[in-house]
Amino acid sequence: MADSSSPHEYIHLIQHLIEECILFHMSKEECMEALFKHANIKPVITATVWKELEKENKEFFEAYTKDREERASETETRQRIQKRMLSPHSSTAKDTSKLGG
């Protein structure tokens, strides 16, 4: 923390950075890692501010967590479908080869 800033300003900065992390759909853990790496903010401080934000904005964070889980599930499903389509042993690949030959 810079000598010229007050604790209130520092917490406000961390809140702003957490909001930026949320815009990128980051988890609390990803945010803690990013702020430590890029802003030299200790993970315990980020976690504490995040926890307070969760208390103050309970409904938002419940929806945010649900949205992140849904996104992860959709991504996982998409990856499984792509893997099956690209696999030489999949029935889709066999059916496609029959069409061409």
PDB file of N, CA and C in Angstrom:
ATOM      1  N   MET A   1       0.846  -1.171   0.000  1.00  0.00           N
ATOM      2  CA  MET A   1       0.000   0.000   0.000  1.00  0.00           C
ATOM      3  C   MET A   1       0.891   1.233   0.000  1.00  0.00           C
ATOM      4  N   ALA A   2       0.599   2.177  -0.843  1.00  0.00           N
ATOM      5  CA  ALA A   2       1.383   3.405  -0.935  1.00  0.00           C
ATOM      6  C   ALA A   2       1.200   4.227   0.334  1.00  0.00           C
ATOM      7  N   ASP A   3       2.252   4.916   0.755  1.00  0.00           N
ATOM      8  CA  ASP A   3       2.217   5.698   1.986  1.00  0.00           C
ATOM      9  C   ASP A   3       1.170   6.802   1.952  1.00  0.00           C
ATOM     10  N   SER A   4       0.906   7.347   0.777  1.00  0.00           N
ATOM     11  CA  SER A   4       0.009   8.494   0.673  1.00  0.00           C
ATOM     12  C   SER A   4      -1.472   8.111   0.679  1.00  0.00           C
ATOM     13  N   SER A   5      -1.795   6.856   0.539  1.00  0.00           N
ATOM     14  CA  SER A   5      -3.208   6.469   0.484  1.00  0.00           C
ATOM     15  C   SER A   5      -3.691   5.988   1.845  1.00  0.00           C
ATOM     16  N   SER A   6      -4.942   6.257   2.131  1.00  0.00           N
ATOM     17  CA  SER A   6      -5.540   5.827   3.391  1.00  0.00           C
ATOM     18  C   SER A   6      -6.013   4.377   3.254  1.00  0.00           C
ATOM     19  N   PRO A   7      -6.238   3.711   4.382  1.00  0.00           N
ATOM     20  CA  PRO A   7      -6.786   2.349   4.311  1.00  0.00           C
ATOM     21  C   PRO A   7      -8.111   2.299   3.546  1.00  0.00           C
ATOM     22  N   HIS A   8      -8.942   3.336   3.713  1.00  0.00           N
ATOM     23  CA  HIS A   8     -10.233   3.393   3.008  1.00  0.00           C
ATOM     24  C   HIS A   8     -10.007   3.430   1.491  1.00  0.00           C
ATOM     25  N   GLU A   9      -9.060   4.232   1.041  1.00  0.00           N
ATOM     26  CA  GLU A   9      -8.753   4.323  -0.399  1.00  0.00           C
ATOM     27  C   GLU A   9      -8.213   2.999  -0.922  1.00  0.00           C
ATOM     28  N   TYR A  10      -7.395   2.337  -0.114  1.00  0.00           N
ATOM     29  CA  TYR A  10      -6.809   1.050  -0.504  1.00  0.00           C
ATOM     30  C   TYR A  10      -7.911   0.000  -0.681  1.00  0.00           C
ATOM     31  N   ILE A  11      -8.836  -0.050   0.270  1.00  0.00           N
ATOM     32  CA  ILE A  11      -9.951  -0.995   0.176  1.00  0.00           C
ATOM     33  C   ILE A  11     -10.819  -0.671  -1.035  1.00  0.00           C
ATOM     34  N   HIS A  12     -11.048   0.617  -1.273  1.00  0.00           N
ATOM     35  CA  HIS A  12     -11.828   1.024  -2.445  1.00  0.00           C
ATOM     36  C   HIS A  12     -11.135   0.574  -3.737  1.00  0.00           C
ATOM     37  N   LEU A  13      -9.808   0.691  -3.796  1.00  0.00           N
ATOM     38  CA  LEU A  13      -9.049   0.229  -4.955  1.00  0.00           C
ATOM     39  C   LEU A  13      -9.233  -1.276  -5.144  1.00  0.00           C
ATOM     40  N   ILE A  14      -9.136  -2.025  -4.057  1.00  0.00           N
ATOM     41  CA  ILE A  14      -9.297  -3.483  -4.144  1.00  0.00           C
ATOM     42  C   ILE A  14     -10.705  -3.833  -4.613  1.00  0.00           C
ATOM     43  N   GLN A  15     -11.710  -3.131  -4.112  1.00  0.00           N
ATOM     44  CA  GLN A  15     -13.091  -3.358  -4.565  1.00  0.00           C
ATOM     45  C   GLN A  15     -13.190  -3.126  -6.071  1.00  0.00           C
ATOM     46  N   HIS A  16     -12.593  -2.052  -6.534  1.00  0.00           N
ATOM     47  CA  HIS A  16     -12.617  -1.752  -7.971  1.00  0.00           C
ATOM     48  C   HIS A  16     -11.940  -2.868  -8.773  1.00  0.00           C
ATOM     49  N   LEU A  17     -10.802  -3.338  -8.295  1.00  0.00           N
ATOM     50  CA  LEU A  17     -10.093  -4.409  -9.006  1.00  0.00           C
ATOM     51  C   LEU A  17     -10.889  -5.710  -8.991  1.00  0.00           C
ATOM     52  N   ILE A  18     -11.569  -5.987  -7.893  1.00  0.00           N
ATOM     53  CA  ILE A  18     -12.434  -7.173  -7.825  1.00  0.00           C
ATOM     54  C   ILE A  18     -13.570  -7.046  -8.841  1.00  0.00           C
ATOM     55  N   GLU A  19     -14.144  -5.853  -8.954  1.00  0.00           N
ATOM     56  CA  GLU A  19     -15.199  -5.629  -9.951  1.00  0.00           C
ATOM     57  C   GLU A  19     -14.671  -5.898 -11.355  1.00  0.00           C
ATOM     58  N   GLU A  20     -13.422  -5.508 -11.617  1.00  0.00           N
ATOM     59  CA  GLU A  20     -12.810  -5.792 -12.919  1.00  0.00           C
ATOM     60  C   GLU A  20     -12.684  -7.300 -13.127  1.00  0.00           C
ATOM     61  N   CYS A  21     -12.282  -8.016 -12.099  1.00  0.00           N
ATOM     62  CA  CYS A  21     -12.184  -9.477 -12.186  1.00  0.00           C
ATOM     63  C   CYS A  21     -13.549 -10.092 -12.498  1.00  0.00           C
ATOM     64  N   ILE A  22     -14.585  -9.576 -11.862  1.00  0.00           N
ATOM     65  CA  ILE A  22     -15.942 -10.079 -12.077  1.00  0.00           C
ATOM     66  C   ILE A  22     -16.373  -9.863 -13.526  1.00  0.00           C
ATOM     67  N   LEU A  23     -15.985  -8.732 -14.093  1.00  0.00           N
ATOM     68  CA  LEU A  23     -16.314  -8.474 -15.500  1.00  0.00           C
ATOM     69  C   LEU A  23     -15.700  -9.533 -16.423  1.00  0.00           C
ATOM     70  N   PHE A  24     -14.584 -10.116 -15.981  1.00  0.00           N
ATOM     71  CA  PHE A  24     -13.929 -11.179 -16.754  1.00  0.00           C
ATOM     72  C   PHE A  24     -14.360 -12.570 -16.281  1.00  0.00           C
ATOM     73  N   HIS A  25     -15.433 -12.627 -15.484  1.00  0.00           N
ATOM     74  CA  HIS A  25     -16.020 -13.890 -15.007  1.00  0.00           C
ATOM     75  C   HIS A  25     -15.020 -14.733 -14.226  1.00  0.00           C
ATOM     76  N   MET A  26     -14.176 -14.099 -13.457  1.00  0.00           N
ATOM     77  CA  MET A  26     -13.170 -14.807 -12.671  1.00  0.00           C
ATOM     78  C   MET A  26     -13.765 -15.271 -11.343  1.00  0.00           C
ATOM     79  N   SER A  27     -13.256 -16.392 -10.848  1.00  0.00           N
ATOM     80  CA  SER A  27     -13.631 -16.864  -9.523  1.00  0.00           C
ATOM     81  C   SER A  27     -12.877 -16.055  -8.477  1.00  0.00           C
ATOM     82  N   LYS A  28     -13.256 -16.234  -7.224  1.00  0.00           N
ATOM     83  CA  LYS A  28     -12.542 -15.538  -6.148  1.00  0.00           C
ATOM     84  C   LYS A  28     -11.072 -15.940  -6.157  1.00  0.00           C
ATOM     85  N   GLU A  29     -10.806 -17.225  -6.354  1.00  0.00           N
ATOM     86  CA  GLU A  29      -9.428 -17.720  -6.351  1.00  0.00           C
ATOM     87  C   GLU A  29      -8.629 -17.140  -7.519  1.00  0.00           C
ATOM     88  N   GLU A  30      -9.250 -17.091  -8.706  1.00  0.00           N
ATOM     89  CA  GLU A  30      -8.580 -16.504  -9.870  1.00  0.00           C
ATOM     90  C   GLU A  30      -8.299 -15.021  -9.645  1.00  0.00           C
ATOM     91  N   CYS A  31      -9.242 -14.336  -9.022  1.00  0.00           N
ATOM     92  CA  CYS A  31      -9.086 -12.914  -8.722  1.00  0.00           C
ATOM     93  C   CYS A  31      -7.956 -12.708  -7.717  1.00  0.00           C
ATOM     94  N   MET A  32      -7.923 -13.524  -6.689  1.00  0.00           N
ATOM     95  CA  MET A  32      -6.864 -13.422  -5.689  1.00  0.00           C
ATOM     96  C   MET A  32      -5.491 -13.599  -6.343  1.00  0.00           C
ATOM     97  N   GLU A  33      -5.389 -14.567  -7.215  1.00  0.00           N
ATOM     98  CA  GLU A  33      -4.127 -14.833  -7.912  1.00  0.00           C
ATOM     99  C   GLU A  33      -3.748 -13.663  -8.826  1.00  0.00           C
ATOM    100  N   ALA A  34      -4.718 -13.146  -9.565  1.00  0.00           N
ATOM    101  CA  ALA A  34      -4.458 -12.047 -10.492  1.00  0.00           C
ATOM    102  C   ALA A  34      -4.037 -10.769  -9.759  1.00  0.00           C
ATOM    103  N   LEU A  35      -4.737 -10.457  -8.674  1.00  0.00           N
ATOM    104  CA  LEU A  35      -4.388  -9.237  -7.940  1.00  0.00           C
ATOM    105  C   LEU A  35      -3.029  -9.360  -7.263  1.00  0.00           C
ATOM    106  N   PHE A  36      -2.688 -10.553  -6.828  1.00  0.00           N
ATOM    107  CA  PHE A  36      -1.366 -10.758  -6.233  1.00  0.00           C
ATOM    108  C   PHE A  36      -0.279 -10.607  -7.301  1.00  0.00           C
ATOM    109  N   LYS A  37      -0.520 -11.222  -8.440  1.00  0.00           N
ATOM    110  CA  LYS A  37       0.470 -11.207  -9.518  1.00  0.00           C
ATOM    111  C   LYS A  37       0.638  -9.823 -10.150  1.00  0.00           C
ATOM    112  N   HIS A  38      -0.471  -9.126 -10.391  1.00  0.00           N
ATOM    113  CA  HIS A  38      -0.421  -7.882 -11.158  1.00  0.00           C
ATOM    114  C   HIS A  38      -0.456  -6.609 -10.314  1.00  0.00           C
ATOM    115  N   ALA A  39      -0.961  -6.701  -9.065  1.00  0.00           N
ATOM    116  CA  ALA A  39      -1.068  -5.502  -8.239  1.00  0.00           C
ATOM    117  C   ALA A  39      -0.389  -5.666  -6.876  1.00  0.00           C
ATOM    118  N   ASN A  40       0.247  -6.827  -6.679  1.00  0.00           N
ATOM    119  CA  ASN A  40       0.959  -7.124  -5.435  1.00  0.00           C
ATOM    120  C   ASN A  40       0.057  -6.974  -4.204  1.00  0.00           C
ATOM    121  N   ILE A  41      -1.195  -7.411  -4.346  1.00  0.00           N
ATOM    122  CA  ILE A  41      -2.144  -7.386  -3.232  1.00  0.00           C
ATOM    123  C   ILE A  41      -2.213  -8.798  -2.661  1.00  0.00           C
ATOM    124  N   LYS A  42      -1.965  -8.914  -1.386  1.00  0.00           N
ATOM    125  CA  LYS A  42      -1.935 -10.230  -0.745  1.00  0.00           C
ATOM    126  C   LYS A  42      -3.295 -10.925  -0.889  1.00  0.00           C
ATOM    127  N   PRO A  43      -3.274 -12.215  -1.210  1.00  0.00           N
ATOM    128  CA  PRO A  43      -4.528 -12.961  -1.389  1.00  0.00           C
ATOM    129  C   PRO A  43      -5.483 -12.862  -0.195  1.00  0.00           C
ATOM    130  N   VAL A  44      -4.947 -12.844   1.023  1.00  0.00           N
ATOM    131  CA  VAL A  44      -5.810 -12.770   2.200  1.00  0.00           C
ATOM    132  C   VAL A  44      -6.576 -11.446   2.227  1.00  0.00           C
ATOM    133  N   ILE A  45      -5.983 -10.390   1.727  1.00  0.00           N
ATOM    134  CA  ILE A  45      -6.667  -9.090   1.682  1.00  0.00           C
ATOM    135  C   ILE A  45      -7.775  -9.130   0.633  1.00  0.00           C
ATOM    136  N   THR A  46      -7.457  -9.657  -0.550  1.00  0.00           N
ATOM    137  CA  THR A  46      -8.475  -9.774  -1.600  1.00  0.00           C
ATOM    138  C   THR A  46      -9.629 -10.652  -1.116  1.00  0.00           C
ATOM    139  N   ALA A  47      -9.304 -11.769  -0.477  1.00  0.00           N
ATOM    140  CA  ALA A  47     -10.344 -12.675   0.015  1.00  0.00           C
ATOM    141  C   ALA A  47     -11.236 -11.991   1.045  1.00  0.00           C
ATOM    142  N   THR A  48     -10.643 -11.192   1.916  1.00  0.00           N
ATOM    143  CA  THR A  48     -11.411 -10.489   2.948  1.00  0.00           C
ATOM    144  C   THR A  48     -12.351  -9.459   2.327  1.00  0.00           C
ATOM    145  N   VAL A  49     -11.846  -8.683   1.375  1.00  0.00           N
ATOM    146  CA  VAL A  49     -12.689  -7.678   0.714  1.00  0.00           C
ATOM    147  C   VAL A  49     -13.779  -8.380  -0.085  1.00  0.00           C
ATOM    148  N   TRP A  50     -13.439  -9.468  -0.796  1.00  0.00           N
ATOM    149  CA  TRP A  50     -14.431 -10.229  -1.573  1.00  0.00           C
ATOM    150  C   TRP A  50     -15.541 -10.723  -0.637  1.00  0.00           C
ATOM    151  N   LYS A  51     -15.147 -11.270   0.515  1.00  0.00           N
ATOM    152  CA  LYS A  51     -16.122 -11.806   1.467  1.00  0.00           C
ATOM    153  C   LYS A  51     -17.076 -10.709   1.951  1.00  0.00           C
ATOM    154  N   GLU A  52     -16.550  -9.519   2.200  1.00  0.00           N
ATOM    155  CA  GLU A  52     -17.399  -8.394   2.614  1.00  0.00           C
ATOM    156  C   GLU A  52     -18.348  -7.982   1.488  1.00  0.00           C
ATOM    157  N   LEU A  53     -17.841  -7.976   0.270  1.00  0.00           N
ATOM    158  CA  LEU A  53     -18.712  -7.665  -0.877  1.00  0.00           C
ATOM    159  C   LEU A  53     -19.826  -8.694  -1.004  1.00  0.00           C
ATOM    160  N   GLU A  54     -19.495  -9.970  -0.758  1.00  0.00           N
ATOM    161  CA  GLU A  54     -20.518 -11.021  -0.797  1.00  0.00           C
ATOM    162  C   GLU A  54     -21.603 -10.777   0.248  1.00  0.00           C
ATOM    163  N   LYS A  55     -21.189 -10.345   1.443  1.00  0.00           N
ATOM    164  CA  LYS A  55     -22.165 -10.067   2.504  1.00  0.00           C
ATOM    165  C   LYS A  55     -23.086  -8.908   2.114  1.00  0.00           C
ATOM    166  N   GLU A  56     -22.509  -7.872   1.524  1.00  0.00           N
ATOM    167  CA  GLU A  56     -23.264  -6.679   1.162  1.00  0.00           C
ATOM    168  C   GLU A  56     -24.134  -6.884  -0.079  1.00  0.00           C
ATOM    169  N   ASN A  57     -23.771  -7.843  -0.919  1.00  0.00           N
ATOM    170  CA  ASN A  57     -24.452  -8.056  -2.202  1.00  0.00           C
ATOM    171  C   ASN A  57     -24.775  -9.538  -2.383  1.00  0.00           C
ATOM    172  N   LYS A  58     -25.434 -10.102  -1.396  1.00  0.00           N
ATOM    173  CA  LYS A  58     -25.685 -11.547  -1.358  1.00  0.00           C
ATOM    174  C   LYS A  58     -26.370 -12.065  -2.626  1.00  0.00           C
ATOM    175  N   GLU A  59     -27.440 -11.409  -3.050  1.00  0.00           N
ATOM    176  CA  GLU A  59     -28.196 -11.875  -4.218  1.00  0.00           C
ATOM    177  C   GLU A  59     -27.334 -11.830  -5.483  1.00  0.00           C
ATOM    178  N   PHE A  60     -26.544 -10.764  -5.633  1.00  0.00           N
ATOM    179  CA  PHE A  60     -25.682 -10.657  -6.812  1.00  0.00           C
ATOM    180  C   PHE A  60     -24.695 -11.818  -6.862  1.00  0.00           C
ATOM    181  N   PHE A  61     -24.027 -12.090  -5.745  1.00  0.00           N
ATOM    182  CA  PHE A  61     -23.015 -13.135  -5.743  1.00  0.00           C
ATOM    183  C   PHE A  61     -23.608 -14.529  -5.891  1.00  0.00           C
ATOM    184  N   GLU A  62     -24.821 -14.735  -5.399  1.00  0.00           N
ATOM    185  CA  GLU A  62     -25.492 -16.018  -5.627  1.00  0.00           C
ATOM    186  C   GLU A  62     -25.745 -16.214  -7.118  1.00  0.00           C
ATOM    187  N   ALA A  63     -26.234 -15.175  -7.777  1.00  0.00           N
ATOM    188  CA  ALA A  63     -26.483 -15.248  -9.221  1.00  0.00           C
ATOM    189  C   ALA A  63     -25.163 -15.382  -9.986  1.00  0.00           C
ATOM    190  N   TYR A  64     -24.138 -14.666  -9.544  1.00  0.00           N
ATOM    191  CA  TYR A  64     -22.827 -14.715 -10.196  1.00  0.00           C
ATOM    192  C   TYR A  64     -22.234 -16.120 -10.116  1.00  0.00           C
ATOM    193  N   THR A  65     -22.317 -16.729  -8.941  1.00  0.00           N
ATOM    194  CA  THR A  65     -21.801 -18.085  -8.757  1.00  0.00           C
ATOM    195  C   THR A  65     -22.565 -19.072  -9.635  1.00  0.00           C
ATOM    196  N   LYS A  66     -23.884 -18.938  -9.673  1.00  0.00           N
ATOM    197  CA  LYS A  66     -24.714 -19.822 -10.499  1.00  0.00           C
ATOM    198  C   LYS A  66     -24.353 -19.658 -11.976  1.00  0.00           C
ATOM    199  N   ASP A  67     -24.180 -18.411 -12.423  1.00  0.00           N
ATOM    200  CA  ASP A  67     -23.816 -18.137 -13.810  1.00  0.00           C
ATOM    201  C   ASP A  67     -22.454 -18.748 -14.151  1.00  0.00           C
ATOM    202  N   ARG A  68     -21.481 -18.621 -13.244  1.00  0.00           N
ATOM    203  CA  ARG A  68     -20.149 -19.191 -13.488  1.00  0.00           C
ATOM    204  C   ARG A  68     -20.230 -20.714 -13.596  1.00  0.00           C
ATOM    205  N   GLU A  69     -21.046 -21.339 -12.745  1.00  0.00           N
ATOM    206  CA  GLU A  69     -21.208 -22.793 -12.791  1.00  0.00           C
ATOM    207  C   GLU A  69     -21.848 -23.223 -14.100  1.00  0.00           C
ATOM    208  N   GLU A  70     -22.862 -22.471 -14.553  1.00  0.00           N
ATOM    209  CA  GLU A  70     -23.522 -22.793 -15.820  1.00  0.00           C
ATOM    210  C   GLU A  70     -22.562 -22.632 -16.987  1.00  0.00           C
ATOM    211  N   ARG A  71     -21.767 -21.565 -16.960  1.00  0.00           N
ATOM    212  CA  ARG A  71     -20.780 -21.347 -18.024  1.00  0.00           C
ATOM    213  C   ARG A  71     -19.764 -22.489 -18.061  1.00  0.00           C
ATOM    214  N   ALA A  72     -19.315 -22.917 -16.897  1.00  0.00           N
ATOM    215  CA  ALA A  72     -18.341 -24.008 -16.823  1.00  0.00           C
ATOM    216  C   ALA A  72     -18.944 -25.299 -17.371  1.00  0.00           C
ATOM    217  N   SER A  73     -20.196 -25.552 -17.037  1.00  0.00           N
ATOM    218  CA  SER A  73     -20.870 -26.747 -17.524  1.00  0.00           C
ATOM    219  C   SER A  73     -21.032 -26.711 -19.043  1.00  0.00           C
ATOM    220  N   GLU A  74     -21.410 -25.539 -19.567  1.00  0.00           N
ATOM    221  CA  GLU A  74     -21.573 -25.391 -21.016  1.00  0.00           C
ATOM    222  C   GLU A  74     -20.236 -25.573 -21.734  1.00  0.00           C
ATOM    223  N   THR A  75     -19.185 -25.017 -21.163  1.00  0.00           N
ATOM    224  CA  THR A  75     -17.855 -25.142 -21.762  1.00  0.00           C
ATOM    225  C   THR A  75     -17.407 -26.598 -21.766  1.00  0.00           C
ATOM    226  N   GLU A  76     -17.649 -27.284 -20.656  1.00  0.00           N
ATOM    227  CA  GLU A  76     -17.279 -28.696 -20.559  1.00  0.00           C
ATOM    228  C   GLU A  76     -18.039 -29.533 -21.589  1.00  0.00           C
ATOM    229  N   THR A  77     -19.328 -29.276 -21.740  1.00  0.00           N
ATOM    230  CA  THR A  77     -20.141 -29.997 -22.719  1.00  0.00           C
ATOM    231  C   THR A  77     -19.637 -29.735 -24.136  1.00  0.00           C
ATOM    232  N   ARG A  78     -19.354 -28.461 -24.432  1.00  0.00           N
ATOM    233  CA  ARG A  78     -18.845 -28.092 -25.751  1.00  0.00           C
ATOM    234  C   ARG A  78     -17.520 -28.800 -26.047  1.00  0.00           C
ATOM    235  N   GLN A  79     -16.649 -28.866 -25.049  1.00  0.00           N
ATOM    236  CA  GLN A  79     -15.350 -29.528 -25.238  1.00  0.00           C
ATOM    237  C   GLN A  79     -15.520 -31.026 -25.490  1.00  0.00           C
ATOM    238  N   ARG A  80     -16.462 -31.649 -24.766  1.00  0.00           N
ATOM    239  CA  ARG A  80     -16.713 -33.080 -24.986  1.00  0.00           C
ATOM    240  C   ARG A  80     -17.232 -33.336 -26.402  1.00  0.00           C
ATOM    241  N   ILE A  81     -18.131 -32.476 -26.858  1.00  0.00           N
ATOM    242  CA  ILE A  81     -18.675 -32.627 -28.212  1.00  0.00           C
ATOM    243  C   ILE A  81     -17.571 -32.454 -29.242  1.00  0.00           C
ATOM    244  N   GLN A  82     -16.738 -31.435 -29.080  1.00  0.00           N
ATOM    245  CA  GLN A  82     -15.640 -31.207 -30.026  1.00  0.00           C
ATOM    246  C   GLN A  82     -14.670 -32.381 -30.017  1.00  0.00           C
ATOM    247  N   LYS A  83     -14.384 -32.902 -28.841  1.00  0.00           N
ATOM    248  CA  LYS A  83     -13.462 -34.036 -28.737  1.00  0.00           C
ATOM    249  C   LYS A  83     -14.024 -35.255 -29.470  1.00  0.00           C
ATOM    250  N   ARG A  84     -15.313 -35.503 -29.291  1.00  0.00           N
ATOM    251  CA  ARG A  84     -15.944 -36.634 -29.979  1.00  0.00           C
ATOM    252  C   ARG A  84     -15.935 -36.448 -31.491  1.00  0.00           C
ATOM    253  N   MET A  85     -16.203 -35.235 -31.933  1.00  0.00           N
ATOM    254  CA  MET A  85     -16.256 -34.977 -33.373  1.00  0.00           C
ATOM    255  C   MET A  85     -14.873 -35.110 -34.009  1.00  0.00           C
ATOM    256  N   LEU A  86     -13.840 -34.771 -33.252  1.00  0.00           N
ATOM    257  CA  LEU A  86     -12.485 -34.820 -33.788  1.00  0.00           C
ATOM    258  C   LEU A  86     -11.818 -36.181 -33.609  1.00  0.00           C
ATOM    259  N   SER A  87     -12.389 -37.016 -32.780  1.00  0.00           N
ATOM    260  CA  SER A  87     -11.819 -38.327 -32.520  1.00  0.00           C
ATOM    261  C   SER A  87     -11.982 -39.229 -33.743  1.00  0.00           C
ATOM    262  N   PRO A  88     -10.894 -39.883 -34.190  1.00  0.00           N
ATOM    263  CA  PRO A  88     -10.993 -40.772 -35.349  1.00  0.00           C
ATOM    264  C   PRO A  88     -11.838 -42.016 -35.071  1.00  0.00           C
ATOM    265  N   HIS A  89     -12.077 -42.298 -33.801  1.00  0.00           N
ATOM    266  CA  HIS A  89     -12.849 -43.492 -33.439  1.00  0.00           C
ATOM    267  C   HIS A  89     -14.325 -43.204 -33.222  1.00  0.00           C
ATOM    268  N   SER A  90     -14.709 -41.964 -33.362  1.00  0.00           N
ATOM    269  CA  SER A  90     -16.113 -41.634 -33.108  1.00  0.00           C
ATOM    270  C   SER A  90     -16.985 -42.079 -34.277  1.00  0.00           C
ATOM    271  N   SER A  91     -18.246 -42.350 -33.993  1.00  0.00           N
ATOM    272  CA  SER A  91     -19.162 -42.767 -35.048  1.00  0.00           C
ATOM    273  C   SER A  91     -19.406 -41.630 -36.031  1.00  0.00           C
ATOM    274  N   THR A  92     -19.322 -40.402 -35.584  1.00  0.00           N
ATOM    275  CA  THR A  92     -19.523 -39.252 -36.467  1.00  0.00           C
ATOM    276  C   THR A  92     -18.427 -39.230 -37.524  1.00  0.00           C
ATOM    277  N   ALA A  93     -17.195 -39.477 -37.114  1.00  0.00           N
ATOM    278  CA  ALA A  93     -16.080 -39.473 -38.066  1.00  0.00           C
ATOM    279  C   ALA A  93     -16.244 -40.609 -39.071  1.00  0.00           C
ATOM    280  N   LYS A  94     -16.700 -41.779 -38.611  1.00  0.00           N
ATOM    281  CA  LYS A  94     -16.913 -42.926 -39.513  1.00  0.00           C
ATOM    282  C   LYS A  94     -18.023 -42.620 -40.508  1.00  0.00           C
ATOM    283  N   ASP A  95     -19.130 -42.036 -40.018  1.00  0.00           N
ATOM    284  CA  ASP A  95     -20.236 -41.709 -40.896  1.00  0.00           C
ATOM    285  C   ASP A  95     -19.837 -40.711 -41.955  1.00  0.00           C
ATOM    286  N   THR A  96     -19.008 -39.744 -41.581  1.00  0.00           N
ATOM    287  CA  THR A  96     -18.536 -38.730 -42.521  1.00  0.00           C
ATOM    288  C   THR A  96     -17.674 -39.359 -43.593  1.00  0.00           C
ATOM    289  N   SER A  97     -16.813 -40.308 -43.202  1.00  0.00           N
ATOM    290  CA  SER A  97     -15.933 -40.943 -44.176  1.00  0.00           C
ATOM    291  C   SER A  97     -16.729 -41.774 -45.167  1.00  0.00           C
ATOM    292  N   LYS A  98     -17.858 -42.339 -44.750  1.00  0.00           N
ATOM    293  CA  LYS A  98     -18.692 -43.137 -45.651  1.00  0.00           C
ATOM    294  C   LYS A  98     -19.322 -42.244 -46.708  1.00  0.00           C
ATOM    295  N   LEU A  99     -19.653 -41.017 -46.329  1.00  0.00           N
ATOM    296  CA  LEU A  99     -20.275 -40.099 -47.263  1.00  0.00           C
ATOM    297  C   LEU A  99     -19.332 -39.724 -48.403  1.00  0.00           C
ATOM    298  N   GLY A 100     -18.051 -39.603 -48.091  1.00  0.00           N
ATOM    299  CA  GLY A 100     -17.092 -39.160 -49.094  1.00  0.00           C
ATOM    300  C   GLY A 100     -16.624 -40.287 -50.004  1.00  0.00           C
ATOM    301  N   GLY A 101     -16.813 -41.493 -49.656  1.00  0.00           N
ATOM    302  CA  GLY A 101     -16.185 -42.529 -50.416  1.00  0.00           C
ATOM    303  C   GLY A 101     -17.081 -43.527 -50.934  1.00  0.00           C
TER     304      GLY A 101
END
